[in-house]
Amino acid sequence: MTSAANAPAVAPRQASTTLIVRDGAPGLEVLMVRRSLQASFMPGAYVFPGGAVDPQDGSAEHAAACDESFERLTLRIGAITQVGDQALPYAVAALRECFEECGLWLGAPDQHTPASGGWARLRARLHAGESIASLVPMAGAPLVTSALQPWSHWVTPVGMPKRFDTLFFVARAPLGQQPEVDAGETTALAWVHPAQALAERHRAEFPMEFATLRTVESLLPFSETGTSALLAHARAHRSLPPVHPRLKRDIRGAIVGVLLPGQAGYDEAAGAH
């Protein structure tokens, strides 16, 4: 019998996540959504808008709808995060998932409203199966991949039943657009101050999984300086290699924690990439 500890590794699926930030009363705020309790991955947890990359995200149709060339994306995002020519589908997925999950068309001009009758109507067409590239003419705005700045790169540990190779981006919240849950994958949303989210998580009032928690912690230095400082820091990144956490197990093989590179026990933990 194959145990969970030595079962064949599941290949990670490409995914994108976006930290949508704004300057609020307490300082920097980031948009988080709560996953449905029926979700197959991280049910009930607060996460950043995002999801898996779809095959069509890297299509010629989507490349033509972006405000950056394929070569520019590969250089600006692909080289920094080590995803190379996969930068296009990662970036398109980030924009698509944001629009699907919370109704925000990132990078659109401030106070912009589509001539087609509003963002909600376009979002409904996306949910009905139309590609986001096909909505660009009606949106009156391209797929603004230039609004996305790479922030980090995480790979779900070996040993988990679902694994993702995820790029985390940061982007400024578009003025004049109001986020709304999709009432399917996400059931609530909140603009949160990093320190407040961490305090509530400590009180077991704001559930977050490991990579999300570490990402919120990475925002703490910008809690008071705000979005401009955070985005400037993101634009200055020259290398964001993937982080490969490993599962810490007890002598029976049960998972008892997660280890990061450099932590005691990491090298001994099973976790071939």
Foldseek 3Di string as FASTA:
>chain_A
DDDLQRPDWDDAFAKEFEFAWDQDPQGIWTKWFAFDLPDPPNHGAIGGQMDGQDPCQLPPLQQVLEPDHLVVQQVQPCQQAVVHSCSRSRLSRHQLRQCQFWNARAPDAAQDAFPVGGSVVVNVVVVVPDRPSVCCVRSVHGNYSVQWFWDAWEWEFTSDPHIHGYTYTYGYGHHNDGTDGNCHRTDDMDTDQLVVLVVCVVVVNHHHDDVRNVVSVVCVVRSHVHDVVVVVVRSPRRHHYYWHKYFDADPVRHGDDIHTPPDPPRVVGDTDD
